Amino acid sequence: MKTPYEVQQEIARIERLLPHLISDQGERAEEILGFHVAGLYASAPVSEHGLIGERVLHMQGLCREAANAPDPAALPLLAAAQPQWA
């Protein structure tokens, strides 16, 4: 069982990892985040579950926002693929 301090340290570690997950894994970032969070819930005391839930909601929102954002690299390609009407 982790101490409350260890839980906070683990949450901070996951928060630092999140931008890398989003950039490397894209749409799978939320799923991978879920695996990390499940492990944290399993090792944290019940008294810390509320804190974990609050912080995870924010991280899930970031994952969903990134998954729904248009891919900036694909935008010029999409513009070039449009038919040109003269």
PDB file of N, CA and C in Angstrom:
ATOM      1  N   MET A   1       0.849  -1.174   0.000  1.00  0.00           N
ATOM      2  CA  MET A   1       0.000   0.000   0.000  1.00  0.00           C
ATOM      3  C   MET A   1       0.898   1.241   0.000  1.00  0.00           C
ATOM      4  N   LYS A   2       0.604   2.149  -0.898  1.00  0.00           N
ATOM      5  CA  LYS A   2       1.378   3.390  -0.990  1.00  0.00           C
ATOM      6  C   LYS A   2       0.903   4.378   0.075  1.00  0.00           C
ATOM      7  N   THR A   3       1.815   5.210   0.500  1.00  0.00           N
ATOM      8  CA  THR A   3       1.456   6.283   1.421  1.00  0.00           C
ATOM      9  C   THR A   3       0.828   7.416   0.609  1.00  0.00           C
ATOM     10  N   PRO A   4       0.110   8.334   1.265  1.00  0.00           N
ATOM     11  CA  PRO A   4      -0.448   9.475   0.531  1.00  0.00           C
ATOM     12  C   PRO A   4       0.624  10.262  -0.238  1.00  0.00           C
ATOM     13  N   TYR A   5       1.804  10.395   0.349  1.00  0.00           N
ATOM     14  CA  TYR A   5       2.888  11.095  -0.340  1.00  0.00           C
ATOM     15  C   TYR A   5       3.292  10.340  -1.612  1.00  0.00           C
ATOM     16  N   GLU A   6       3.411   9.030  -1.520  1.00  0.00           N
ATOM     17  CA  GLU A   6       3.773   8.227  -2.694  1.00  0.00           C
ATOM     18  C   GLU A   6       2.700   8.305  -3.776  1.00  0.00           C
ATOM     19  N   VAL A   7       1.445   8.374  -3.371  1.00  0.00           N
ATOM     20  CA  VAL A   7       0.349   8.518  -4.335  1.00  0.00           C
ATOM     21  C   VAL A   7       0.489   9.845  -5.069  1.00  0.00           C
ATOM     22  N   GLN A   8       0.762  10.915  -4.339  1.00  0.00           N
ATOM     23  CA  GLN A   8       0.932  12.222  -4.974  1.00  0.00           C
ATOM     24  C   GLN A   8       2.131  12.221  -5.917  1.00  0.00           C
ATOM     25  N   GLN A   9       3.204  11.552  -5.521  1.00  0.00           N
ATOM     26  CA  GLN A   9       4.379  11.457  -6.387  1.00  0.00           C
ATOM     27  C   GLN A   9       4.058  10.686  -7.664  1.00  0.00           C
ATOM     28  N   GLU A  10       3.301   9.624  -7.535  1.00  0.00           N
ATOM     29  CA  GLU A  10       2.923   8.816  -8.700  1.00  0.00           C
ATOM     30  C   GLU A  10       2.001   9.600  -9.637  1.00  0.00           C
ATOM     31  N   ILE A  11       1.070  10.352  -9.080  1.00  0.00           N
ATOM     32  CA  ILE A  11       0.193  11.193  -9.910  1.00  0.00           C
ATOM     33  C   ILE A  11       1.038  12.218 -10.667  1.00  0.00           C
ATOM     34  N   ALA A  12       1.987  12.833  -9.985  1.00  0.00           N
ATOM     35  CA  ALA A  12       2.857  13.819 -10.641  1.00  0.00           C
ATOM     36  C   ALA A  12       3.667  13.159 -11.756  1.00  0.00           C
ATOM     37  N   ARG A  13       4.121  11.937 -11.541  1.00  0.00           N
ATOM     38  CA  ARG A  13       4.877  11.217 -12.565  1.00  0.00           C
ATOM     39  C   ARG A  13       4.003  10.954 -13.786  1.00  0.00           C
ATOM     40  N   ILE A  14       2.774  10.538 -13.554  1.00  0.00           N
ATOM     41  CA  ILE A  14       1.852  10.275 -14.667  1.00  0.00           C
ATOM     42  C   ILE A  14       1.544  11.573 -15.409  1.00  0.00           C
ATOM     43  N   GLU A  15       1.377  12.667 -14.678  1.00  0.00           N
ATOM     44  CA  GLU A  15       1.116  13.960 -15.327  1.00  0.00           C
ATOM     45  C   GLU A  15       2.293  14.397 -16.196  1.00  0.00           C
ATOM     46  N   ARG A  16       3.519  14.106 -15.756  1.00  0.00           N
ATOM     47  CA  ARG A  16       4.690  14.431 -16.580  1.00  0.00           C
ATOM     48  C   ARG A  16       4.780  13.517 -17.796  1.00  0.00           C
ATOM     49  N   LEU A  17       4.315  12.299 -17.657  1.00  0.00           N
ATOM     50  CA  LEU A  17       4.348  11.323 -18.745  1.00  0.00           C
ATOM     51  C   LEU A  17       3.280  11.604 -19.803  1.00  0.00           C
ATOM     52  N   LEU A  18       2.198  12.234 -19.413  1.00  0.00           N
ATOM     53  CA  LEU A  18       1.035  12.409 -20.291  1.00  0.00           C
ATOM     54  C   LEU A  18       1.343  13.093 -21.625  1.00  0.00           C
ATOM     55  N   PRO A  19       2.068  14.204 -21.668  1.00  0.00           N
ATOM     56  CA  PRO A  19       2.343  14.810 -22.979  1.00  0.00           C
ATOM     57  C   PRO A  19       3.087  13.866 -23.924  1.00  0.00           C
ATOM     58  N   HIS A  20       3.962  13.042 -23.369  1.00  0.00           N
ATOM     59  CA  HIS A  20       4.695  12.079 -24.190  1.00  0.00           C
ATOM     60  C   HIS A  20       3.760  10.984 -24.692  1.00  0.00           C
ATOM     61  N   LEU A  21       2.851  10.546 -23.826  1.00  0.00           N
ATOM     62  CA  LEU A  21       1.864   9.550 -24.255  1.00  0.00           C
ATOM     63  C   LEU A  21       1.017  10.093 -25.396  1.00  0.00           C
ATOM     64  N   ILE A  22       0.574  11.320 -25.258  1.00  0.00           N
ATOM     65  CA  ILE A  22      -0.287  11.925 -26.279  1.00  0.00           C
ATOM     66  C   ILE A  22       0.466  12.062 -27.596  1.00  0.00           C
ATOM     67  N   SER A  23       1.702  12.545 -27.540  1.00  0.00           N
ATOM     68  CA  SER A  23       2.436  12.754 -28.792  1.00  0.00           C
ATOM     69  C   SER A  23       2.864  11.439 -29.427  1.00  0.00           C
ATOM     70  N   ASP A  24       3.198  10.440 -28.620  1.00  0.00           N
ATOM     71  CA  ASP A  24       3.676   9.169 -29.169  1.00  0.00           C
ATOM     72  C   ASP A  24       2.552   8.213 -29.537  1.00  0.00           C
ATOM     73  N   GLN A  25       1.486   8.193 -28.746  1.00  0.00           N
ATOM     74  CA  GLN A  25       0.444   7.184 -28.922  1.00  0.00           C
ATOM     75  C   GLN A  25      -0.843   7.730 -29.521  1.00  0.00           C
ATOM     76  N   GLY A  26      -1.014   9.031 -29.529  1.00  0.00           N
ATOM     77  CA  GLY A  26      -2.197   9.632 -30.137  1.00  0.00           C
ATOM     78  C   GLY A  26      -3.483   9.179 -29.480  1.00  0.00           C
ATOM     79  N   GLU A  27      -4.346   8.542 -30.261  1.00  0.00           N
ATOM     80  CA  GLU A  27      -5.674   8.159 -29.771  1.00  0.00           C
ATOM     81  C   GLU A  27      -5.618   7.090 -28.683  1.00  0.00           C
ATOM     82  N   ARG A  28      -4.525   6.355 -28.596  1.00  0.00           N
ATOM     83  CA  ARG A  28      -4.402   5.312 -27.570  1.00  0.00           C
ATOM     84  C   ARG A  28      -3.957   5.870 -26.221  1.00  0.00           C
ATOM     85  N   ALA A  29      -3.650   7.152 -26.146  1.00  0.00           N
ATOM     86  CA  ALA A  29      -3.120   7.742 -24.917  1.00  0.00           C
ATOM     87  C   ALA A  29      -4.069   7.551 -23.739  1.00  0.00           C
ATOM     88  N   GLU A  30      -5.366   7.728 -23.967  1.00  0.00           N
ATOM     89  CA  GLU A  30      -6.322   7.588 -22.860  1.00  0.00           C
ATOM     90  C   GLU A  30      -6.369   6.147 -22.359  1.00  0.00           C
ATOM     91  N   GLU A  31      -6.280   5.202 -23.274  1.00  0.00           N
ATOM     92  CA  GLU A  31      -6.277   3.788 -22.885  1.00  0.00           C
ATOM     93  C   GLU A  31      -5.037   3.460 -22.050  1.00  0.00           C
ATOM     94  N   ILE A  32      -3.887   3.944 -22.478  1.00  0.00           N
ATOM     95  CA  ILE A  32      -2.644   3.695 -21.750  1.00  0.00           C
ATOM     96  C   ILE A  32      -2.678   4.396 -20.395  1.00  0.00           C
ATOM     97  N   LEU A  33      -3.221   5.602 -20.363  1.00  0.00           N
ATOM     98  CA  LEU A  33      -3.395   6.310 -19.095  1.00  0.00           C
ATOM     99  C   LEU A  33      -4.227   5.464 -18.138  1.00  0.00           C
ATOM    100  N   GLY A  34      -5.259   4.824 -18.657  1.00  0.00           N
ATOM    101  CA  GLY A  34      -6.116   3.976 -17.833  1.00  0.00           C
ATOM    102  C   GLY A  34      -5.362   2.847 -17.158  1.00  0.00           C
ATOM    103  N   PHE A  35      -4.400   2.247 -17.865  1.00  0.00           N
ATOM    104  CA  PHE A  35      -3.600   1.179 -17.261  1.00  0.00           C
ATOM    105  C   PHE A  35      -2.758   1.716 -16.108  1.00  0.00           C
ATOM    106  N   HIS A  36      -2.154   2.882 -16.295  1.00  0.00           N
ATOM    107  CA  HIS A  36      -1.350   3.482 -15.229  1.00  0.00           C
ATOM    108  C   HIS A  36      -2.220   3.824 -14.025  1.00  0.00           C
ATOM    109  N   VAL A  37      -3.391   4.365 -14.284  1.00  0.00           N
ATOM    110  CA  VAL A  37      -4.291   4.774 -13.204  1.00  0.00           C
ATOM    111  C   VAL A  37      -4.840   3.556 -12.465  1.00  0.00           C
ATOM    112  N   ALA A  38      -5.141   2.491 -13.192  1.00  0.00           N
ATOM    113  CA  ALA A  38      -5.649   1.276 -12.542  1.00  0.00           C
ATOM    114  C   ALA A  38      -4.623   0.733 -11.554  1.00  0.00           C
ATOM    115  N   GLY A  39      -3.368   0.745 -11.949  1.00  0.00           N
ATOM    116  CA  GLY A  39      -2.313   0.297 -11.041  1.00  0.00           C
ATOM    117  C   GLY A  39      -2.202   1.191  -9.824  1.00  0.00           C
ATOM    118  N   LEU A  40      -2.384   2.479 -10.036  1.00  0.00           N
ATOM    119  CA  LEU A  40      -2.319   3.421  -8.920  1.00  0.00           C
ATOM    120  C   LEU A  40      -3.487   3.207  -7.965  1.00  0.00           C
ATOM    121  N   TYR A  41      -4.695   3.044  -8.506  1.00  0.00           N
ATOM    122  CA  TYR A  41      -5.860   2.768  -7.651  1.00  0.00           C
ATOM    123  C   TYR A  41      -5.641   1.499  -6.829  1.00  0.00           C
ATOM    124  N   ALA A  42      -5.063   0.480  -7.446  1.00  0.00           N
ATOM    125  CA  ALA A  42      -4.869  -0.798  -6.759  1.00  0.00           C
ATOM    126  C   ALA A  42      -3.887  -0.682  -5.599  1.00  0.00           C
ATOM    127  N   SER A  43      -2.921   0.220  -5.716  1.00  0.00           N
ATOM    128  CA  SER A  43      -1.900   0.312  -4.677  1.00  0.00           C
ATOM    129  C   SER A  43      -2.114   1.481  -3.716  1.00  0.00           C
ATOM    130  N   ALA A  44      -3.145   2.275  -3.939  1.00  0.00           N
ATOM    131  CA  ALA A  44      -3.392   3.449  -3.092  1.00  0.00           C
ATOM    132  C   ALA A  44      -4.435   3.135  -2.026  1.00  0.00           C
ATOM    133  N   PRO A  45      -4.317   3.773  -0.866  1.00  0.00           N
ATOM    134  CA  PRO A  45      -5.361   3.601   0.145  1.00  0.00           C
ATOM    135  C   PRO A  45      -6.672   4.233  -0.339  1.00  0.00           C
ATOM    136  N   VAL A  46      -7.771   3.713   0.144  1.00  0.00           N
ATOM    137  CA  VAL A  46      -9.092   4.189  -0.271  1.00  0.00           C
ATOM    138  C   VAL A  46      -9.239   5.687  -0.006  1.00  0.00           C
ATOM    139  N   SER A  47      -8.607   6.179   1.025  1.00  0.00           N
ATOM    140  CA  SER A  47      -8.713   7.605   1.351  1.00  0.00           C
ATOM    141  C   SER A  47      -8.132   8.495   0.253  1.00  0.00           C
ATOM    142  N   GLU A  48      -7.304   7.954  -0.622  1.00  0.00           N
ATOM    143  CA  GLU A  48      -6.682   8.737  -1.695  1.00  0.00           C
ATOM    144  C   GLU A  48      -7.409   8.596  -3.027  1.00  0.00           C
ATOM    145  N   HIS A  49      -8.402   7.729  -3.103  1.00  0.00           N
ATOM    146  CA  HIS A  49      -9.098   7.490  -4.370  1.00  0.00           C
ATOM    147  C   HIS A  49      -9.794   8.745  -4.898  1.00  0.00           C
ATOM    148  N   GLY A  50     -10.320   9.576  -4.032  1.00  0.00           N
ATOM    149  CA  GLY A  50     -10.970  10.814  -4.471  1.00  0.00           C
ATOM    150  C   GLY A  50      -9.983  11.752  -5.148  1.00  0.00           C
ATOM    151  N   LEU A  51      -8.807  11.904  -4.548  1.00  0.00           N
ATOM    152  CA  LEU A  51      -7.764  12.748  -5.130  1.00  0.00           C
ATOM    153  C   LEU A  51      -7.341  12.211  -6.492  1.00  0.00           C
ATOM    154  N   ILE A  52      -7.156  10.916  -6.573  1.00  0.00           N
ATOM    155  CA  ILE A  52      -6.763  10.303  -7.845  1.00  0.00           C
ATOM    156  C   ILE A  52      -7.825  10.586  -8.900  1.00  0.00           C
ATOM    157  N   GLY A  53      -9.083  10.388  -8.545  1.00  0.00           N
ATOM    158  CA  GLY A  53     -10.172  10.602  -9.492  1.00  0.00           C
ATOM    159  C   GLY A  53     -10.219  12.021 -10.025  1.00  0.00           C
ATOM    160  N   GLU A  54     -10.019  12.997  -9.138  1.00  0.00           N
ATOM    161  CA  GLU A  54     -10.041  14.403  -9.563  1.00  0.00           C
ATOM    162  C   GLU A  54      -8.933  14.702 -10.558  1.00  0.00           C
ATOM    163  N   ARG A  55      -7.737  14.234 -10.259  1.00  0.00           N
ATOM    164  CA  ARG A  55      -6.592  14.524 -11.131  1.00  0.00           C
ATOM    165  C   ARG A  55      -6.698  13.767 -12.450  1.00  0.00           C
ATOM    166  N   VAL A  56      -7.250  12.561 -12.396  1.00  0.00           N
ATOM    167  CA  VAL A  56      -7.366  11.750 -13.607  1.00  0.00           C
ATOM    168  C   VAL A  56      -8.400  12.345 -14.559  1.00  0.00           C
ATOM    169  N   LEU A  57      -9.472  12.919 -14.036  1.00  0.00           N
ATOM    170  CA  LEU A  57     -10.476  13.546 -14.905  1.00  0.00           C
ATOM    171  C   LEU A  57      -9.844  14.617 -15.789  1.00  0.00           C
ATOM    172  N   HIS A  58      -8.979  15.404 -15.198  1.00  0.00           N
ATOM    173  CA  HIS A  58      -8.293  16.443 -15.972  1.00  0.00           C
ATOM    174  C   HIS A  58      -7.404  15.806 -17.049  1.00  0.00           C
ATOM    175  N   MET A  59      -6.667  14.771 -16.675  1.00  0.00           N
ATOM    176  CA  MET A  59      -5.772  14.118 -17.637  1.00  0.00           C
ATOM    177  C   MET A  59      -6.558  13.453 -18.763  1.00  0.00           C
ATOM    178  N   GLN A  60      -7.701  12.847 -18.434  1.00  0.00           N
ATOM    179  CA  GLN A  60      -8.534  12.235 -19.474  1.00  0.00           C
ATOM    180  C   GLN A  60      -9.053  13.293 -20.436  1.00  0.00           C
ATOM    181  N   GLY A  61      -9.401  14.448 -19.907  1.00  0.00           N
ATOM    182  CA  GLY A  61      -9.853  15.543 -20.761  1.00  0.00           C
ATOM    183  C   GLY A  61      -8.778  15.968 -21.751  1.00  0.00           C
ATOM    184  N   LEU A  62      -7.533  16.020 -21.287  1.00  0.00           N
ATOM    185  CA  LEU A  62      -6.432  16.372 -22.185  1.00  0.00           C
ATOM    186  C   LEU A  62      -6.259  15.322 -23.279  1.00  0.00           C
ATOM    187  N   CYS A  63      -6.396  14.051 -22.901  1.00  0.00           N
ATOM    188  CA  CYS A  63      -6.277  12.973 -23.891  1.00  0.00           C
ATOM    189  C   CYS A  63      -7.383  13.076 -24.937  1.00  0.00           C
ATOM    190  N   ARG A  64      -8.600  13.303 -24.493  1.00  0.00           N
ATOM    191  CA  ARG A  64      -9.732  13.396 -25.429  1.00  0.00           C
ATOM    192  C   ARG A  64      -9.604  14.621 -26.325  1.00  0.00           C
ATOM    193  N   GLU A  65      -9.158  15.717 -25.743  1.00  0.00           N
ATOM    194  CA  GLU A  65      -8.972  16.943 -26.522  1.00  0.00           C
ATOM    195  C   GLU A  65      -7.927  16.723 -27.615  1.00  0.00           C
ATOM    196  N   ALA A  66      -6.843  16.053 -27.272  1.00  0.00           N
ATOM    197  CA  ALA A  66      -5.795  15.788 -28.259  1.00  0.00           C
ATOM    198  C   ALA A  66      -6.273  14.804 -29.322  1.00  0.00           C
ATOM    199  N   ALA A  67      -7.068  13.812 -28.922  1.00  0.00           N
ATOM    200  CA  ALA A  67      -7.560  12.823 -29.884  1.00  0.00           C
ATOM    201  C   ALA A  67      -8.544  13.447 -30.862  1.00  0.00           C
ATOM    202  N   ASN A  68      -9.282  14.455 -30.430  1.00  0.00           N
ATOM    203  CA  ASN A  68     -10.277  15.093 -31.293  1.00  0.00           C
ATOM    204  C   ASN A  68      -9.717  16.252 -32.110  1.00  0.00           C
ATOM    205  N   ALA A  69      -8.492  16.669 -31.808  1.00  0.00           N
ATOM    206  CA  ALA A  69      -7.889  17.791 -32.532  1.00  0.00           C
ATOM    207  C   ALA A  69      -7.475  17.331 -33.925  1.00  0.00           C
ATOM    208  N   PRO A  70      -7.619  18.209 -34.909  1.00  0.00           N
ATOM    209  CA  PRO A  70      -7.160  17.837 -36.251  1.00  0.00           C
ATOM    210  C   PRO A  70      -5.640  17.717 -36.264  1.00  0.00           C
ATOM    211  N   ASP A  71      -5.146  16.829 -37.086  1.00  0.00           N
ATOM    212  CA  ASP A  71      -3.713  16.615 -37.212  1.00  0.00           C
ATOM    213  C   ASP A  71      -3.126  17.754 -38.046  1.00  0.00           C
ATOM    214  N   PRO A  72      -2.289  18.598 -37.448  1.00  0.00           N
ATOM    215  CA  PRO A  72      -1.770  19.741 -38.202  1.00  0.00           C
ATOM    216  C   PRO A  72      -0.943  19.313 -39.408  1.00  0.00           C
ATOM    217  N   ALA A  73      -0.296  18.167 -39.360  1.00  0.00           N
ATOM    218  CA  ALA A  73       0.508  17.702 -40.487  1.00  0.00           C
ATOM    219  C   ALA A  73      -0.375  17.329 -41.673  1.00  0.00           C
ATOM    220  N   ALA A  74      -1.613  16.934 -41.415  1.00  0.00           N
ATOM    221  CA  ALA A  74      -2.504  16.505 -42.491  1.00  0.00           C
ATOM    222  C   ALA A  74      -3.248  17.672 -43.135  1.00  0.00           C
ATOM    223  N   LEU A  75      -3.272  18.816 -42.506  1.00  0.00           N
ATOM    224  CA  LEU A  75      -4.042  19.938 -43.040  1.00  0.00           C
ATOM    225  C   LEU A  75      -3.576  20.389 -44.424  1.00  0.00           C
ATOM    226  N   PRO A  76      -2.283  20.588 -44.679  1.00  0.00           N
ATOM    227  CA  PRO A  76      -1.884  20.982 -46.033  1.00  0.00           C
ATOM    228  C   PRO A  76      -2.231  19.914 -47.065  1.00  0.00           C
ATOM    229  N   LEU A  77      -2.119  18.660 -46.700  1.00  0.00           N
ATOM    230  CA  LEU A  77      -2.460  17.576 -47.610  1.00  0.00           C
ATOM    231  C   LEU A  77      -3.944  17.631 -47.954  1.00  0.00           C
ATOM    232  N   LEU A  78      -4.773  17.884 -46.963  1.00  0.00           N
ATOM    233  CA  LEU A  78      -6.207  17.976 -47.222  1.00  0.00           C
ATOM    234  C   LEU A  78      -6.513  19.147 -48.144  1.00  0.00           C
ATOM    235  N   ALA A  79      -5.835  20.258 -47.943  1.00  0.00           N
ATOM    236  CA  ALA A  79      -6.066  21.421 -48.800  1.00  0.00           C
ATOM    237  C   ALA A  79      -5.615  21.132 -50.227  1.00  0.00           C
ATOM    238  N   ALA A  80      -4.517  20.405 -50.381  1.00  0.00           N
ATOM    239  CA  ALA A  80      -4.012  20.080 -51.716  1.00  0.00           C
ATOM    240  C   ALA A  80      -4.900  19.060 -52.409  1.00  0.00           C
ATOM    241  N   ALA A  81      -5.591  18.250 -51.642  1.00  0.00           N
ATOM    242  CA  ALA A  81      -6.434  17.205 -52.220  1.00  0.00           C
ATOM    243  C   ALA A  81      -7.788  17.740 -52.670  1.00  0.00           C
ATOM    244  N   GLN A  82      -8.113  18.981 -52.328  1.00  0.00           N
ATOM    245  CA  GLN A  82      -9.393  19.561 -52.723  1.00  0.00           C
ATOM    246  C   GLN A  82      -9.399  19.840 -54.225  1.00  0.00           C
ATOM    247  N   PRO A  83     -10.495  19.566 -54.894  1.00  0.00           N
ATOM    248  CA  PRO A  83     -10.553  19.876 -56.330  1.00  0.00           C
ATOM    249  C   PRO A  83     -10.515  21.387 -56.547  1.00  0.00           C
ATOM    250  N   GLN A  84      -9.827  21.779 -57.558  1.00  0.00           N
ATOM    251  CA  GLN A  84      -9.712  23.199 -57.886  1.00  0.00           C
ATOM    252  C   GLN A  84     -10.685  23.517 -59.009  1.00  0.00           C
ATOM    253  N   TRP A  85     -11.675  24.336 -58.721  1.00  0.00           N
ATOM    254  CA  TRP A  85     -12.665  24.718 -59.726  1.00  0.00           C
ATOM    255  C   TRP A  85     -12.250  26.064 -60.313  1.00  0.00           C
ATOM    256  N   ALA A  86     -12.062  26.089 -61.590  1.00  0.00           N
ATOM    257  CA  ALA A  86     -11.594  27.321 -62.230  1.00  0.00           C
ATOM    258  C   ALA A  86     -12.735  28.188 -62.674  1.00  0.00           C
TER     259      ALA A  86
END
